[in-house]
């Protein structure tokens, strides 16, 4: 699941790059304070996006400080911390542990085993903090794993289950905005699952691993089917996003949802931009005239 919710960094302004980096470093600091230095290895852009999104929506009290770390020992970095950076640190550990277990089960690799062992205690703490949330996520993951083990050709079920997992992660509070955040997370989770299946199809076929797209790969319209499906899923996500009363960091968030999430797709296909990204850029240009 990690690696797809990233910014199109070069398309950000210098100011937005600095803001993005401050939240990224803030998440890193929260990981260190809550789970120790080793947990920083789980830091990722996906949960940085969640942190910026929730911070824009809920506007928590934030603390901006400067400091050095083992990655940046000379130049001091500005970082932003809040109760939301703590929440996103917890969700980072949760997803990283589950990914390590999945890697360990799929390929019995050393990296997955080491990652799972490293995160056992932090994960247990997350379970204490969010017992109901973790139980729902664990149950959904087991359901997804059981379905994948059946090698069923029905693509909708695993996509929706994956969406359900990310929707749960995105939902910080069950409040007025909780349902919208959940819907956004679910749509983004469906997009990521399909994007990951598309990205890994060749490798999965070679290794004999399950892939939701394996029954579709011989279709003459396979490429257009994948692109249209991905566009539909991210459109569901951005439709919810555009209804949210967000004022802060909008340019960063739109950069991620309209361009950044397509980074791996562009790398794989050689396409400069997706259709939705072109449409959004045109719309923004028209608004600025």
Protein backbone atom coordinates (compact mmCIF):
# COMPACT_ATOMS: atom_id res chain seq x y z
CA UNK A 1 0.00 0.00 0.00
CA UNK A 2 2.89 2.37 0.66
CA UNK A 3 4.50 4.46 -2.06
CA UNK A 4 1.56 5.68 -4.13
CA UNK A 5 0.21 8.68 -2.19
CA UNK A 6 3.12 10.95 -2.93
CA UNK A 7 3.58 14.52 -4.08
CA UNK A 8 4.69 15.57 -7.54
CA UNK A 9 7.43 17.38 -5.70
CA UNK A 10 8.97 19.30 -8.59
CA UNK A 11 5.56 20.77 -9.44
CA UNK A 12 5.20 22.29 -5.97
CA UNK A 13 6.21 25.86 -5.27
CA UNK A 14 9.21 26.44 -3.00
CA UNK A 15 6.81 27.49 -0.26
CA UNK A 16 4.72 24.34 -0.64
CA UNK A 17 7.85 22.19 -0.69
CA UNK A 18 8.90 23.74 2.61
CA UNK A 19 5.44 23.20 4.13
CA UNK A 20 5.34 19.59 2.96
CA UNK A 21 8.80 18.95 4.43
CA UNK A 22 7.76 20.42 7.79
CA UNK A 23 4.86 17.99 8.11
CA UNK A 24 7.03 15.10 6.89
CA UNK A 25 9.61 15.94 9.57
CA UNK A 26 6.84 16.40 12.14
CA UNK A 27 5.58 12.89 11.45
CA UNK A 28 9.14 11.63 11.82
CA UNK A 29 9.47 13.38 15.19
CA UNK A 30 6.20 11.90 16.42
CA UNK A 31 7.37 8.43 15.41
CA UNK A 32 10.59 8.92 17.37
CA UNK A 33 8.89 10.25 20.50
CA UNK A 34 6.20 7.57 20.55
CA UNK A 35 8.08 4.51 19.34
CA UNK A 36 11.81 5.22 19.35
CA UNK A 37 14.38 5.93 16.65
CA UNK A 38 13.97 2.59 14.88
CA UNK A 39 10.35 3.43 14.06
CA UNK A 40 11.55 6.25 11.81
CA UNK A 41 12.32 3.60 9.23
CA UNK A 42 8.56 3.35 8.65
CA UNK A 43 8.22 7.05 7.73
CA UNK A 44 6.49 7.51 4.38
CA UNK A 45 4.77 10.04 2.13
CA UNK A 46 1.41 8.27 2.28
CA UNK A 47 0.84 9.12 5.93
CA UNK A 48 2.32 12.58 5.40
CA UNK A 49 -0.55 13.23 3.01
CA UNK A 50 -3.03 12.04 5.63
CA UNK A 51 -1.41 14.33 8.20
CA UNK A 52 -1.68 17.37 5.92
CA UNK A 53 -5.26 16.51 4.94
CA UNK A 54 -6.50 16.06 8.51
CA UNK A 55 -4.56 19.12 9.69
CA UNK A 56 -6.21 21.22 7.00
CA UNK A 57 -9.65 19.89 7.92
CA UNK A 58 -9.45 19.97 11.74
CA UNK A 59 -6.90 22.77 12.22
CA UNK A 60 -5.37 21.43 15.46
CA UNK A 61 -3.03 23.45 17.64
CA UNK A 62 0.39 22.98 16.06
CA UNK A 63 3.88 23.37 17.47
CA UNK A 64 6.64 24.49 15.10
CA UNK A 65 10.18 23.84 16.25
CA UNK A 66 13.62 23.30 14.80
CA UNK A 67 16.00 20.45 15.43
CA UNK A 68 18.51 17.99 14.06
CA UNK A 69 18.21 14.24 13.65
CA UNK A 70 20.38 11.32 12.58
CA UNK A 71 19.37 11.95 8.94
CA UNK A 72 20.13 15.68 9.09
CA UNK A 73 22.92 16.15 11.61
CA UNK A 74 24.23 19.51 10.41
CA UNK A 75 21.36 21.68 9.20
CA UNK A 76 18.46 22.24 11.57
CA UNK A 77 15.04 21.35 10.16
CA UNK A 78 11.71 22.98 10.96
CA UNK A 79 9.01 20.49 11.90
CA UNK A 80 5.31 20.69 12.76
CA UNK A 81 3.84 18.50 15.49
CA UNK A 82 0.31 18.17 16.81
CA UNK A 83 -2.07 15.54 18.10
CA UNK A 84 -2.63 14.64 14.46
CA UNK A 85 1.04 13.93 13.82
CA UNK A 86 0.82 11.53 16.78
CA UNK A 87 -2.27 9.86 15.29
CA UNK A 88 -0.62 9.52 11.88
CA UNK A 89 2.49 8.08 13.54
CA UNK A 90 0.28 5.43 15.15
CA UNK A 91 -1.34 4.62 11.79
CA UNK A 92 2.11 4.49 10.16
CA UNK A 93 3.18 1.81 12.63
CA UNK A 94 -0.08 -0.08 12.16
CA UNK A 95 0.22 -0.23 8.36
CA UNK A 96 3.97 -0.89 8.40
CA UNK A 97 3.53 -3.86 10.71
CA UNK A 98 0.75 -5.32 8.57
CA UNK A 99 2.83 -4.82 5.43
CA UNK A 100 5.78 -6.59 7.06
CA UNK A 101 3.54 -9.52 7.96
CA UNK A 102 2.23 -9.62 4.40
CA UNK A 103 5.75 -9.58 2.95
CA UNK A 104 6.77 -12.32 5.34
CA UNK A 105 3.79 -14.50 4.37
CA UNK A 106 4.01 -13.89 0.62
CA UNK A 107 7.69 -14.52 0.09
CA UNK A 108 9.02 -15.60 3.48
CA UNK A 109 11.65 -12.89 3.05
CA UNK A 110 14.11 -11.83 5.72
CA UNK A 111 13.17 -8.18 5.41
CA UNK A 112 9.52 -8.88 6.17
CA UNK A 113 10.43 -11.06 9.15
CA UNK A 114 12.81 -8.42 10.53
CA UNK A 115 10.29 -5.64 10.01
CA UNK A 116 7.54 -7.56 11.79
CA UNK A 117 9.83 -8.41 14.70
CA UNK A 118 10.95 -4.78 15.01
CA UNK A 119 7.39 -3.51 15.17
CA UNK A 120 5.76 -6.05 17.49
CA UNK A 121 5.93 -3.88 20.61
CA UNK A 122 4.96 -0.62 18.85
CA UNK A 123 2.05 -2.42 17.21
CA UNK A 124 0.86 -3.74 20.55
CA UNK A 125 0.80 -0.18 21.84
CA UNK A 126 -1.29 0.90 18.86
CA UNK A 127 -3.74 -1.91 19.65
CA UNK A 128 -4.08 -0.61 23.20
CA UNK A 129 -4.71 2.94 21.95
CA UNK A 130 -7.25 1.98 19.26
CA UNK A 131 -8.63 -1.47 20.12
CA UNK A 132 -11.82 -1.23 18.05
CA UNK A 133 -10.11 0.33 15.04
CA UNK A 134 -7.29 -2.21 15.00
CA UNK A 135 -9.76 -5.09 15.36
CA UNK A 136 -11.78 -3.85 12.38
CA UNK A 137 -8.65 -3.46 10.27
CA UNK A 138 -7.28 -6.87 11.26
CA UNK A 139 -10.61 -8.53 10.44
CA UNK A 140 -10.74 -6.85 7.03
CA UNK A 141 -7.14 -7.81 6.27
CA UNK A 142 -7.90 -11.44 7.12
CA UNK A 143 -10.96 -11.31 4.89
CA UNK A 144 -8.86 -9.90 2.06
CA UNK A 145 -6.14 -12.52 2.55
CA UNK A 146 -8.70 -15.34 2.60
CA UNK A 147 -10.25 -14.05 -0.61
CA UNK A 148 -6.89 -13.72 -2.36
CA UNK A 149 -6.03 -17.28 -1.31
CA UNK A 150 -9.09 -18.50 -3.23
CA UNK A 151 -7.69 -17.04 -6.48
CA UNK A 152 -11.10 -15.74 -7.44
CA UNK A 153 -11.31 -13.66 -10.64
CA UNK A 154 -13.79 -11.19 -9.12
CA UNK A 155 -11.79 -7.96 -8.94
CA UNK A 156 -14.36 -5.87 -7.09
CA UNK A 157 -14.21 -7.72 -3.77
CA UNK A 158 -10.47 -7.28 -3.03
CA UNK A 159 -10.55 -3.69 -4.28
CA UNK A 160 -13.42 -2.81 -1.95
CA UNK A 161 -11.84 -4.60 1.01
CA UNK A 162 -8.61 -2.69 0.48
CA UNK A 163 -10.60 0.53 0.33
CA UNK A 164 -12.28 -0.36 3.60
CA UNK A 165 -8.88 -0.70 5.31
CA UNK A 166 -7.62 2.73 4.23
CA UNK A 167 -10.96 4.31 5.02
CA UNK A 168 -10.60 3.08 8.59
CA UNK A 169 -7.06 4.44 8.79
CA UNK A 170 -8.11 7.85 7.46
CA UNK A 171 -10.96 8.24 9.97
CA UNK A 172 -9.49 10.05 12.94
CA UNK A 173 -12.79 10.80 14.61
CA UNK A 174 -16.35 9.59 14.21
CA UNK A 175 -17.67 13.13 13.99
CA UNK A 176 -19.33 15.46 11.47
CA UNK A 177 -16.46 15.08 8.98
CA UNK A 178 -15.65 11.48 9.80
CA UNK A 179 -17.85 9.98 7.08
CA UNK A 180 -16.42 12.19 4.34
CA UNK A 181 -12.86 11.39 5.40
CA UNK A 182 -13.74 7.68 5.44
CA UNK A 183 -15.25 7.87 1.94
CA UNK A 184 -12.18 9.67 0.63
CA UNK A 185 -9.90 7.07 2.20
CA UNK A 186 -11.95 4.18 0.83
CA UNK A 187 -11.87 5.59 -2.71
CA UNK A 188 -8.15 6.22 -2.45
CA UNK A 189 -7.63 2.71 -1.07
CA UNK A 190 -9.43 1.21 -4.06
CA UNK A 191 -7.28 3.26 -6.42
CA UNK A 192 -4.08 2.17 -4.67
CA UNK A 193 -5.03 -1.52 -4.72
CA UNK A 194 -5.67 -1.46 -8.45
CA UNK A 195 -2.58 0.65 -9.13
CA UNK A 196 -0.47 -1.78 -7.12
CA UNK A 197 -1.95 -4.74 -9.01
CA UNK A 198 -1.18 -3.01 -12.32
CA UNK A 199 2.34 -2.14 -11.19
CA UNK A 200 3.13 -5.66 -9.92
CA UNK A 201 1.31 -7.74 -12.55
CA UNK A 202 4.36 -8.94 -14.46
CA UNK A 203 6.30 -9.79 -11.28
CA UNK A 204 3.31 -11.54 -9.71
CA UNK A 205 2.74 -13.69 -12.79
CA UNK A 206 6.40 -14.68 -12.78
CA UNK A 207 6.34 -15.61 -9.08
CA UNK A 208 2.89 -17.22 -9.18
CA UNK A 209 1.46 -14.72 -6.71
CA UNK A 210 -2.16 -13.63 -6.64
CA UNK A 211 -2.96 -10.55 -8.70
CA UNK A 212 -6.46 -9.15 -9.17
CA UNK A 213 -5.73 -8.29 -12.82
CA UNK A 214 -4.42 -11.67 -13.94
CA UNK A 215 -7.68 -12.66 -15.68
CA UNK A 216 -7.79 -9.36 -17.57
CA UNK A 217 -4.22 -9.15 -18.85
CA UNK A 218 -4.92 -10.91 -22.17
CA UNK A 219 -7.76 -8.57 -23.13
CA UNK A 220 -7.10 -6.39 -26.16
CA UNK A 221 -8.30 -3.32 -24.24
CA UNK A 222 -6.35 -4.15 -21.07
CA UNK A 223 -4.42 -0.87 -20.93
CA UNK A 224 -7.46 1.31 -21.53
CA UNK A 225 -9.49 -0.78 -19.05
CA UNK A 226 -6.88 -0.18 -16.34
CA UNK A 227 -6.53 3.53 -17.05
CA UNK A 228 -10.28 4.12 -17.16
CA UNK A 229 -10.80 2.15 -13.95
CA UNK A 230 -8.08 4.09 -12.18
CA UNK A 231 -9.49 7.40 -13.41
CA UNK A 232 -12.94 6.45 -12.14
CA UNK A 233 -11.59 5.52 -8.70
CA UNK A 234 -9.49 8.63 -8.22
CA UNK A 235 -12.42 10.73 -9.49
CA UNK A 236 -14.55 9.28 -6.66
CA UNK A 237 -11.83 10.31 -4.24
CA UNK A 238 -11.41 13.86 -5.55
CA UNK A 239 -15.19 14.36 -5.72
CA UNK A 240 -15.33 13.91 -1.94
CA UNK A 241 -12.18 15.96 -1.45
CA UNK A 242 -13.54 18.97 -3.33
CA UNK A 243 -16.59 19.15 -1.03
CA UNK A 244 -14.49 19.45 2.11
CA UNK A 245 -14.11 22.91 3.72
CA UNK A 246 -10.35 22.97 3.30
CA UNK A 247 -8.42 26.23 3.19
CA UNK A 248 -4.87 25.39 4.26
CA UNK A 249 -2.41 23.51 2.06
CA UNK A 250 -4.92 23.09 -0.78
CA UNK A 251 -2.26 23.34 -3.47
CA UNK A 252 -0.25 20.55 -1.82
CA UNK A 253 -3.26 18.28 -1.40
CA UNK A 254 -4.40 18.82 -4.98
CA UNK A 255 -0.88 18.22 -6.21
CA UNK A 256 -0.92 14.79 -4.56
CA UNK A 257 -4.43 13.75 -5.66
CA UNK A 258 -4.32 15.07 -9.23
CA UNK A 259 -0.71 14.35 -10.11
CA UNK A 260 1.39 12.68 -7.41
CA UNK A 261 -0.70 9.51 -7.18
CA UNK A 262 -0.02 8.93 -10.89
CA UNK A 263 3.77 9.00 -10.51
CA UNK A 264 4.28 5.23 -10.66
CA UNK A 265 1.77 4.92 -13.51
CA UNK A 266 3.64 7.52 -15.55
CA UNK A 267 6.92 5.75 -14.85
CA UNK A 268 5.50 2.42 -15.99
CA UNK A 269 3.61 3.58 -19.06
CA UNK A 270 5.78 6.48 -20.16
CA UNK A 271 2.71 8.74 -20.30
CA UNK A 272 3.46 12.32 -19.36
CA UNK A 273 0.15 12.94 -17.60
CA UNK A 274 -3.17 11.26 -16.99
CA UNK A 275 -6.38 12.63 -18.43
CA UNK A 276 -7.69 13.77 -15.05
CA UNK A 277 -4.47 15.62 -14.29
CA UNK A 278 -4.68 17.45 -17.62
CA UNK A 279 -8.28 18.45 -16.96
CA UNK A 280 -7.49 19.73 -13.47
CA UNK A 281 -4.50 21.76 -14.63
CA UNK A 282 -6.57 23.31 -17.38
CA UNK A 283 -9.29 24.16 -14.87
CA UNK A 284 -6.79 25.80 -12.53
CA UNK A 285 -5.27 27.79 -15.37
CA UNK A 286 -8.70 29.07 -16.33
CA UNK A 287 -9.41 30.10 -12.73
CA UNK A 288 -6.14 32.03 -12.55
CA UNK A 289 -6.84 34.07 -15.72
